[in-house]
Amino acid sequence: MRAGATGRGQLVDVSMLEGQLSLLQNAVCAYLGDGKVPGPMARVQSLLLPYKTLPHEEPQDLALAVGSEKLWKDFCPLIGAPR
């Protein structure tokens, strides 16, 4: 139950280092595999292409991930986007 419902909470102990390492596992594996030092990615994930945020008419951008280049090329015409 939530603390707000019962008035009681609980301790959650999370390692910040382990959390960051899990988020960076693709970059670490790429570095260990080919020695290339990854640079800033901003809002684009270069290791799992195509994946990035796209401008949208709503207040927030749209995050979109497609499993492969072939699926991306099949998907774009469905949403009226250029390949």
PDB file of N, CA and C in Angstrom:
ATOM      1  N   MET A   1       0.830  -1.186   0.000  1.00  0.00           N
ATOM      2  CA  MET A   1       0.000   0.000   0.000  1.00  0.00           C
ATOM      3  C   MET A   1       0.874   1.250   0.000  1.00  0.00           C
ATOM      4  N   ARG A   2       0.329   2.316  -0.475  1.00  0.00           N
ATOM      5  CA  ARG A   2       1.053   3.575  -0.485  1.00  0.00           C
ATOM      6  C   ARG A   2       1.103   4.173   0.911  1.00  0.00           C
ATOM      7  N   ALA A   3       2.165   4.916   1.169  1.00  0.00           N
ATOM      8  CA  ALA A   3       2.308   5.566   2.470  1.00  0.00           C
ATOM      9  C   ALA A   3       1.165   6.542   2.717  1.00  0.00           C
ATOM     10  N   GLY A   4       0.663   7.189   1.683  1.00  0.00           N
ATOM     11  CA  GLY A   4      -0.437   8.132   1.837  1.00  0.00           C
ATOM     12  C   GLY A   4      -1.725   7.463   2.284  1.00  0.00           C
ATOM     13  N   ALA A   5      -1.900   6.192   1.941  1.00  0.00           N
ATOM     14  CA  ALA A   5      -3.114   5.461   2.310  1.00  0.00           C
ATOM     15  C   ALA A   5      -3.048   4.936   3.735  1.00  0.00           C
ATOM     16  N   THR A   6      -1.862   4.586   4.205  1.00  0.00           N
ATOM     17  CA  THR A   6      -1.726   3.965   5.517  1.00  0.00           C
ATOM     18  C   THR A   6      -1.073   4.869   6.544  1.00  0.00           C
ATOM     19  N   GLY A   7      -0.402   5.941   6.095  1.00  0.00           N
ATOM     20  CA  GLY A   7       0.325   6.786   7.012  1.00  0.00           C
ATOM     21  C   GLY A   7       1.693   6.234   7.361  1.00  0.00           C
ATOM     22  N   ARG A   8       2.051   5.107   6.777  1.00  0.00           N
ATOM     23  CA  ARG A   8       3.341   4.469   7.040  1.00  0.00           C
ATOM     24  C   ARG A   8       4.136   4.400   5.743  1.00  0.00           C
ATOM     25  N   GLY A   9       5.415   4.523   5.846  1.00  0.00           N
ATOM     26  CA  GLY A   9       6.284   4.432   4.683  1.00  0.00           C
ATOM     27  C   GLY A   9       7.269   3.306   4.861  1.00  0.00           C
ATOM     28  N   GLN A  10       8.213   3.216   3.941  1.00  0.00           N
ATOM     29  CA  GLN A  10       9.258   2.213   4.076  1.00  0.00           C
ATOM     30  C   GLN A  10      10.534   2.751   3.452  1.00  0.00           C
ATOM     31  N   LEU A  11      11.658   2.159   3.835  1.00  0.00           N
ATOM     32  CA  LEU A  11      12.954   2.565   3.326  1.00  0.00           C
ATOM     33  C   LEU A  11      13.254   1.818   2.033  1.00  0.00           C
ATOM     34  N   VAL A  12      13.678   2.545   1.023  1.00  0.00           N
ATOM     35  CA  VAL A  12      14.122   1.938  -0.228  1.00  0.00           C
ATOM     36  C   VAL A  12      15.574   2.345  -0.417  1.00  0.00           C
ATOM     37  N   ASP A  13      16.469   1.375  -0.405  1.00  0.00           N
ATOM     38  CA  ASP A  13      17.900   1.629  -0.522  1.00  0.00           C
ATOM     39  C   ASP A  13      18.338   1.266  -1.934  1.00  0.00           C
ATOM     40  N   VAL A  14      18.772   2.263  -2.711  1.00  0.00           N
ATOM     41  CA  VAL A  14      19.159   2.044  -4.100  1.00  0.00           C
ATOM     42  C   VAL A  14      20.580   2.547  -4.305  1.00  0.00           C
ATOM     43  N   SER A  15      21.414   1.730  -4.921  1.00  0.00           N
ATOM     44  CA  SER A  15      22.775   2.139  -5.231  1.00  0.00           C
ATOM     45  C   SER A  15      22.750   3.033  -6.464  1.00  0.00           C
ATOM     46  N   MET A  16      23.207   4.278  -6.309  1.00  0.00           N
ATOM     47  CA  MET A  16      23.235   5.199  -7.446  1.00  0.00           C
ATOM     48  C   MET A  16      24.223   4.732  -8.505  1.00  0.00           C
ATOM     49  N   LEU A  17      25.353   4.168  -8.089  1.00  0.00           N
ATOM     50  CA  LEU A  17      26.340   3.675  -9.044  1.00  0.00           C
ATOM     51  C   LEU A  17      25.772   2.526  -9.871  1.00  0.00           C
ATOM     52  N   GLU A  18      25.142   1.553  -9.217  1.00  0.00           N
ATOM     53  CA  GLU A  18      24.578   0.419  -9.952  1.00  0.00           C
ATOM     54  C   GLU A  18      23.458   0.865 -10.880  1.00  0.00           C
ATOM     55  N   GLY A  19      22.666   1.839 -10.446  1.00  0.00           N
ATOM     56  CA  GLY A  19      21.609   2.361 -11.307  1.00  0.00           C
ATOM     57  C   GLY A  19      22.177   3.001 -12.557  1.00  0.00           C
ATOM     58  N   GLN A  20      23.223   3.816 -12.425  1.00  0.00           N
ATOM     59  CA  GLN A  20      23.845   4.449 -13.584  1.00  0.00           C
ATOM     60  C   GLN A  20      24.517   3.429 -14.490  1.00  0.00           C
ATOM     61  N   LEU A  21      25.183   2.450 -13.904  1.00  0.00           N
ATOM     62  CA  LEU A  21      25.833   1.421 -14.730  1.00  0.00           C
ATOM     63  C   LEU A  21      24.809   0.649 -15.548  1.00  0.00           C
ATOM     64  N   SER A  22      23.658   0.364 -14.980  1.00  0.00           N
ATOM     65  CA  SER A  22      22.644  -0.359 -15.748  1.00  0.00           C
ATOM     66  C   SER A  22      22.129   0.490 -16.903  1.00  0.00           C
ATOM     67  N   LEU A  23      22.043   1.814 -16.711  1.00  0.00           N
ATOM     68  CA  LEU A  23      21.610   2.694 -17.794  1.00  0.00           C
ATOM     69  C   LEU A  23      22.671   2.839 -18.879  1.00  0.00           C
ATOM     70  N   LEU A  24      23.931   2.661 -18.507  1.00  0.00           N
ATOM     71  CA  LEU A  24      25.031   2.856 -19.445  1.00  0.00           C
ATOM     72  C   LEU A  24      25.572   1.559 -20.032  1.00  0.00           C
ATOM     73  N   GLN A  25      24.902   0.438 -19.785  1.00  0.00           N
ATOM     74  CA  GLN A  25      25.462  -0.846 -20.207  1.00  0.00           C
ATOM     75  C   GLN A  25      25.744  -0.919 -21.706  1.00  0.00           C
ATOM     76  N   ASN A  26      24.908  -0.327 -22.537  1.00  0.00           N
ATOM     77  CA  ASN A  26      25.158  -0.364 -23.980  1.00  0.00           C
ATOM     78  C   ASN A  26      26.415   0.414 -24.347  1.00  0.00           C
ATOM     79  N   ALA A  27      26.604   1.573 -23.728  1.00  0.00           N
ATOM     80  CA  ALA A  27      27.791   2.375 -24.005  1.00  0.00           C
ATOM     81  C   ALA A  27      29.049   1.662 -23.517  1.00  0.00           C
ATOM     82  N   VAL A  28      28.982   1.039 -22.357  1.00  0.00           N
ATOM     83  CA  VAL A  28      30.140   0.321 -21.818  1.00  0.00           C
ATOM     84  C   VAL A  28      30.494  -0.851 -22.715  1.00  0.00           C
ATOM     85  N   CYS A  29      29.498  -1.612 -23.151  1.00  0.00           N
ATOM     86  CA  CYS A  29      29.753  -2.760 -24.034  1.00  0.00           C
ATOM     87  C   CYS A  29      30.337  -2.310 -25.373  1.00  0.00           C
ATOM     88  N   ALA A  30      29.845  -1.193 -25.912  1.00  0.00           N
ATOM     89  CA  ALA A  30      30.389  -0.676 -27.169  1.00  0.00           C
ATOM     90  C   ALA A  30      31.846  -0.281 -26.987  1.00  0.00           C
ATOM     91  N   TYR A  31      32.163   0.351 -25.858  1.00  0.00           N
ATOM     92  CA  TYR A  31      33.548   0.750 -25.602  1.00  0.00           C
ATOM     93  C   TYR A  31      34.443  -0.479 -25.459  1.00  0.00           C
ATOM     94  N   LEU A  32      33.990  -1.464 -24.712  1.00  0.00           N
ATOM     95  CA  LEU A  32      34.802  -2.668 -24.527  1.00  0.00           C
ATOM     96  C   LEU A  32      34.944  -3.455 -25.829  1.00  0.00           C
ATOM     97  N   GLY A  33      33.946  -3.367 -26.697  1.00  0.00           N
ATOM     98  CA  GLY A  33      33.980  -4.106 -27.954  1.00  0.00           C
ATOM     99  C   GLY A  33      34.862  -3.484 -29.018  1.00  0.00           C
ATOM    100  N   ASP A  34      34.796  -2.163 -29.178  1.00  0.00           N
ATOM    101  CA  ASP A  34      35.580  -1.539 -30.258  1.00  0.00           C
ATOM    102  C   ASP A  34      36.470  -0.397 -29.799  1.00  0.00           C
ATOM    103  N   GLY A  35      36.473  -0.097 -28.511  1.00  0.00           N
ATOM    104  CA  GLY A  35      37.360   0.939 -27.984  1.00  0.00           C
ATOM    105  C   GLY A  35      36.909   2.360 -28.252  1.00  0.00           C
ATOM    106  N   LYS A  36      35.735   2.551 -28.849  1.00  0.00           N
ATOM    107  CA  LYS A  36      35.239   3.887 -29.155  1.00  0.00           C
ATOM    108  C   LYS A  36      34.626   4.508 -27.899  1.00  0.00           C
ATOM    109  N   VAL A  37      35.093   5.700 -27.548  1.00  0.00           N
ATOM    110  CA  VAL A  37      34.561   6.400 -26.385  1.00  0.00           C
ATOM    111  C   VAL A  37      33.239   7.054 -26.795  1.00  0.00           C
ATOM    112  N   PRO A  38      32.131   6.686 -26.147  1.00  0.00           N
ATOM    113  CA  PRO A  38      30.845   7.279 -26.524  1.00  0.00           C
ATOM    114  C   PRO A  38      30.772   8.746 -26.136  1.00  0.00           C
ATOM    115  N   GLY A  39      30.128   9.534 -26.972  1.00  0.00           N
ATOM    116  CA  GLY A  39      29.945  10.958 -26.690  1.00  0.00           C
ATOM    117  C   GLY A  39      28.549  11.221 -26.162  1.00  0.00           C
ATOM    118  N   PRO A  40      28.222  12.479 -25.934  1.00  0.00           N
ATOM    119  CA  PRO A  40      26.879  12.819 -25.461  1.00  0.00           C
ATOM    120  C   PRO A  40      25.817  12.377 -26.471  1.00  0.00           C
ATOM    121  N   MET A  41      24.710  11.860 -25.977  1.00  0.00           N
ATOM    122  CA  MET A  41      23.657  11.370 -26.859  1.00  0.00           C
ATOM    123  C   MET A  41      22.444  12.284 -26.880  1.00  0.00           C
ATOM    124  N   ALA A  42      22.365  13.260 -26.000  1.00  0.00           N
ATOM    125  CA  ALA A  42      21.207  14.152 -25.894  1.00  0.00           C
ATOM    126  C   ALA A  42      19.939  13.330 -25.802  1.00  0.00           C
ATOM    127  N   ARG A  43      19.047  13.468 -26.769  1.00  0.00           N
ATOM    128  CA  ARG A  43      17.791  12.721 -26.725  1.00  0.00           C
ATOM    129  C   ARG A  43      17.767  11.586 -27.734  1.00  0.00           C
ATOM    130  N   VAL A  44      18.908  11.210 -28.265  1.00  0.00           N
ATOM    131  CA  VAL A  44      18.981  10.159 -29.274  1.00  0.00           C
ATOM    132  C   VAL A  44      19.798   8.994 -28.721  1.00  0.00           C
ATOM    133  N   GLN A  45      19.284   7.794 -28.858  1.00  0.00           N
ATOM    134  CA  GLN A  45      20.002   6.599 -28.426  1.00  0.00           C
ATOM    135  C   GLN A  45      20.673   6.009 -29.656  1.00  0.00           C
ATOM    136  N   SER A  46      21.984   6.186 -29.765  1.00  0.00           N
ATOM    137  CA  SER A  46      22.685   5.783 -30.977  1.00  0.00           C
ATOM    138  C   SER A  46      22.960   4.288 -31.050  1.00  0.00           C
ATOM    139  N   LEU A  47      22.878   3.586 -29.942  1.00  0.00           N
ATOM    140  CA  LEU A  47      23.197   2.161 -29.953  1.00  0.00           C
ATOM    141  C   LEU A  47      21.982   1.289 -30.260  1.00  0.00           C
ATOM    142  N   LEU A  48      20.809   1.834 -30.142  1.00  0.00           N
ATOM    143  CA  LEU A  48      19.585   1.086 -30.418  1.00  0.00           C
ATOM    144  C   LEU A  48      18.789   1.830 -31.484  1.00  0.00           C
ATOM    145  N   LEU A  49      19.373   1.985 -32.643  1.00  0.00           N
ATOM    146  CA  LEU A  49      18.738   2.783 -33.692  1.00  0.00           C
ATOM    147  C   LEU A  49      17.613   2.033 -34.360  1.00  0.00           C
ATOM    148  N   PRO A  50      16.619   2.710 -34.876  1.00  0.00           N
ATOM    149  CA  PRO A  50      16.357   4.127 -34.644  1.00  0.00           C
ATOM    150  C   PRO A  50      15.565   4.332 -33.354  1.00  0.00           C
ATOM    151  N   TYR A  51      16.001   5.250 -32.541  1.00  0.00           N
ATOM    152  CA  TYR A  51      15.323   5.596 -31.295  1.00  0.00           C
ATOM    153  C   TYR A  51      15.648   7.043 -30.981  1.00  0.00           C
ATOM    154  N   LYS A  52      14.644   7.857 -30.875  1.00  0.00           N
ATOM    155  CA  LYS A  52      14.856   9.249 -30.483  1.00  0.00           C
ATOM    156  C   LYS A  52      13.517   9.880 -30.149  1.00  0.00           C
ATOM    157  N   THR A  53      13.569  11.072 -29.585  1.00  0.00           N
ATOM    158  CA  THR A  53      12.335  11.809 -29.346  1.00  0.00           C
ATOM    159  C   THR A  53      12.073  12.712 -30.545  1.00  0.00           C
ATOM    160  N   LEU A  54      10.808  12.877 -30.858  1.00  0.00           N
ATOM    161  CA  LEU A  54      10.402  13.672 -32.011  1.00  0.00           C
ATOM    162  C   LEU A  54       9.519  14.827 -31.552  1.00  0.00           C
ATOM    163  N   PRO A  55       9.657  15.994 -32.174  1.00  0.00           N
ATOM    164  CA  PRO A  55       8.777  17.108 -31.833  1.00  0.00           C
ATOM    165  C   PRO A  55       7.321  16.717 -32.105  1.00  0.00           C
ATOM    166  N   HIS A  56       6.425  17.189 -31.255  1.00  0.00           N
ATOM    167  CA  HIS A  56       5.013  16.832 -31.372  1.00  0.00           C
ATOM    168  C   HIS A  56       4.189  18.052 -31.033  1.00  0.00           C
ATOM    169  N   GLU A  57       2.971  18.125 -31.530  1.00  0.00           N
ATOM    170  CA  GLU A  57       2.151  19.310 -31.288  1.00  0.00           C
ATOM    171  C   GLU A  57       1.670  19.419 -29.846  1.00  0.00           C
ATOM    172  N   GLU A  58       1.739  18.334 -29.112  1.00  0.00           N
ATOM    173  CA  GLU A  58       1.402  18.365 -27.687  1.00  0.00           C
ATOM    174  C   GLU A  58       2.548  19.041 -26.929  1.00  0.00           C
ATOM    175  N   PRO A  59       2.353  19.353 -25.652  1.00  0.00           N
ATOM    176  CA  PRO A  59       3.418  20.026 -24.900  1.00  0.00           C
ATOM    177  C   PRO A  59       4.706  19.219 -24.780  1.00  0.00           C
ATOM    178  N   GLN A  60       4.632  17.906 -24.879  1.00  0.00           N
ATOM    179  CA  GLN A  60       5.821  17.092 -24.709  1.00  0.00           C
ATOM    180  C   GLN A  60       6.176  16.394 -26.017  1.00  0.00           C
ATOM    181  N   ASP A  61       7.466  16.103 -26.185  1.00  0.00           N
ATOM    182  CA  ASP A  61       7.905  15.365 -27.364  1.00  0.00           C
ATOM    183  C   ASP A  61       7.422  13.920 -27.286  1.00  0.00           C
ATOM    184  N   LEU A  62       7.440  13.253 -28.418  1.00  0.00           N
ATOM    185  CA  LEU A  62       7.029  11.864 -28.519  1.00  0.00           C
ATOM    186  C   LEU A  62       8.284  10.996 -28.585  1.00  0.00           C
ATOM    187  N   ALA A  63       8.383  10.020 -27.698  1.00  0.00           N
ATOM    188  CA  ALA A  63       9.509   9.084 -27.724  1.00  0.00           C
ATOM    189  C   ALA A  63       9.088   7.880 -28.556  1.00  0.00           C
ATOM    190  N   LEU A  64       9.919   7.532 -29.532  1.00  0.00           N
ATOM    191  CA  LEU A  64       9.578   6.479 -30.472  1.00  0.00           C
ATOM    192  C   LEU A  64      10.746   5.525 -30.623  1.00  0.00           C
ATOM    193  N   ALA A  65      10.479   4.235 -30.516  1.00  0.00           N
ATOM    194  CA  ALA A  65      11.512   3.222 -30.708  1.00  0.00           C
ATOM    195  C   ALA A  65      10.978   2.166 -31.665  1.00  0.00           C
ATOM    196  N   VAL A  66      11.765   1.842 -32.662  1.00  0.00           N
ATOM    197  CA  VAL A  66      11.409   0.822 -33.641  1.00  0.00           C
ATOM    198  C   VAL A  66      12.547  -0.185 -33.657  1.00  0.00           C
ATOM    199  N   GLY A  67      12.224  -1.468 -33.732  1.00  0.00           N
ATOM    200  CA  GLY A  67      13.186  -2.529 -33.515  1.00  0.00           C
ATOM    201  C   GLY A  67      14.300  -2.700 -34.524  1.00  0.00           C
ATOM    202  N   SER A  68      14.150  -2.203 -35.733  1.00  0.00           N
ATOM    203  CA  SER A  68      15.202  -2.377 -36.731  1.00  0.00           C
ATOM    204  C   SER A  68      15.032  -1.341 -37.837  1.00  0.00           C
ATOM    205  N   GLU A  69      16.060  -1.210 -38.661  1.00  0.00           N
ATOM    206  CA  GLU A  69      15.994  -0.273 -39.788  1.00  0.00           C
ATOM    207  C   GLU A  69      14.885  -0.658 -40.761  1.00  0.00           C
ATOM    208  N   LYS A  70      14.700  -1.957 -41.006  1.00  0.00           N
ATOM    209  CA  LYS A  70      13.641  -2.414 -41.906  1.00  0.00           C
ATOM    210  C   LYS A  70      12.265  -2.038 -41.358  1.00  0.00           C
ATOM    211  N   LEU A  71      12.045  -2.278 -40.062  1.00  0.00           N
ATOM    212  CA  LEU A  71      10.757  -1.912 -39.468  1.00  0.00           C
ATOM    213  C   LEU A  71      10.545  -0.403 -39.502  1.00  0.00           C
ATOM    214  N   TRP A  72      11.623   0.365 -39.323  1.00  0.00           N
ATOM    215  CA  TRP A  72      11.527   1.823 -39.399  1.00  0.00           C
ATOM    216  C   TRP A  72      11.046   2.255 -40.782  1.00  0.00           C
ATOM    217  N   LYS A  73      11.637   1.662 -41.823  1.00  0.00           N
ATOM    218  CA  LYS A  73      11.241   2.013 -43.195  1.00  0.00           C
ATOM    219  C   LYS A  73       9.807   1.602 -43.494  1.00  0.00           C
ATOM    220  N   ASP A  74       9.334   0.533 -42.880  1.00  0.00           N
ATOM    221  CA  ASP A  74       7.932   0.123 -43.039  1.00  0.00           C
ATOM    222  C   ASP A  74       6.993   1.014 -42.224  1.00  0.00           C
ATOM    223  N   PHE A  75       7.478   1.488 -41.081  1.00  0.00           N
ATOM    224  CA  PHE A  75       6.654   2.285 -40.169  1.00  0.00           C
ATOM    225  C   PHE A  75       6.436   3.714 -40.641  1.00  0.00           C
ATOM    226  N   CYS A  76       7.472   4.341 -41.195  1.00  0.00           N
ATOM    227  CA  CYS A  76       7.389   5.754 -41.580  1.00  0.00           C
ATOM    228  C   CYS A  76       6.226   6.079 -42.507  1.00  0.00           C
ATOM    229  N   PRO A  77       5.995   5.324 -43.575  1.00  0.00           N
ATOM    230  CA  PRO A  77       4.850   5.659 -44.428  1.00  0.00           C
ATOM    231  C   PRO A  77       3.497   5.563 -43.693  1.00  0.00           C
ATOM    232  N   LEU A  78       3.413   4.710 -42.698  1.00  0.00           N
ATOM    233  CA  LEU A  78       2.162   4.559 -41.958  1.00  0.00           C
ATOM    234  C   LEU A  78       1.802   5.804 -41.168  1.00  0.00           C
ATOM    235  N   ILE A  79       2.818   6.568 -40.745  1.00  0.00           N
ATOM    236  CA  ILE A  79       2.550   7.783 -39.978  1.00  0.00           C
ATOM    237  C   ILE A  79       2.779   9.040 -40.811  1.00  0.00           C
ATOM    238  N   GLY A  80       3.052   8.863 -42.101  1.00  0.00           N
ATOM    239  CA  GLY A  80       3.260  10.005 -42.983  1.00  0.00           C
ATOM    240  C   GLY A  80       4.570  10.724 -42.754  1.00  0.00           C
ATOM    241  N   ALA A  81       5.582  10.008 -42.307  1.00  0.00           N
ATOM    242  CA  ALA A  81       6.892  10.608 -42.037  1.00  0.00           C
ATOM    243  C   ALA A  81       7.895  10.180 -43.105  1.00  0.00           C
ATOM    244  N   PRO A  82       8.882  11.022 -43.378  1.00  0.00           N
ATOM    245  CA  PRO A  82       9.918  10.611 -44.322  1.00  0.00           C
ATOM    246  C   PRO A  82      10.788   9.513 -43.720  1.00  0.00           C
ATOM    247  N   ARG A  83      11.332   8.680 -44.563  1.00  0.00           N
ATOM    248  CA  ARG A  83      12.205   7.599 -44.091  1.00  0.00           C
ATOM    249  C   ARG A  83      13.518   8.177 -43.779  1.00  0.00           C
TER     250      ARG A  83
END
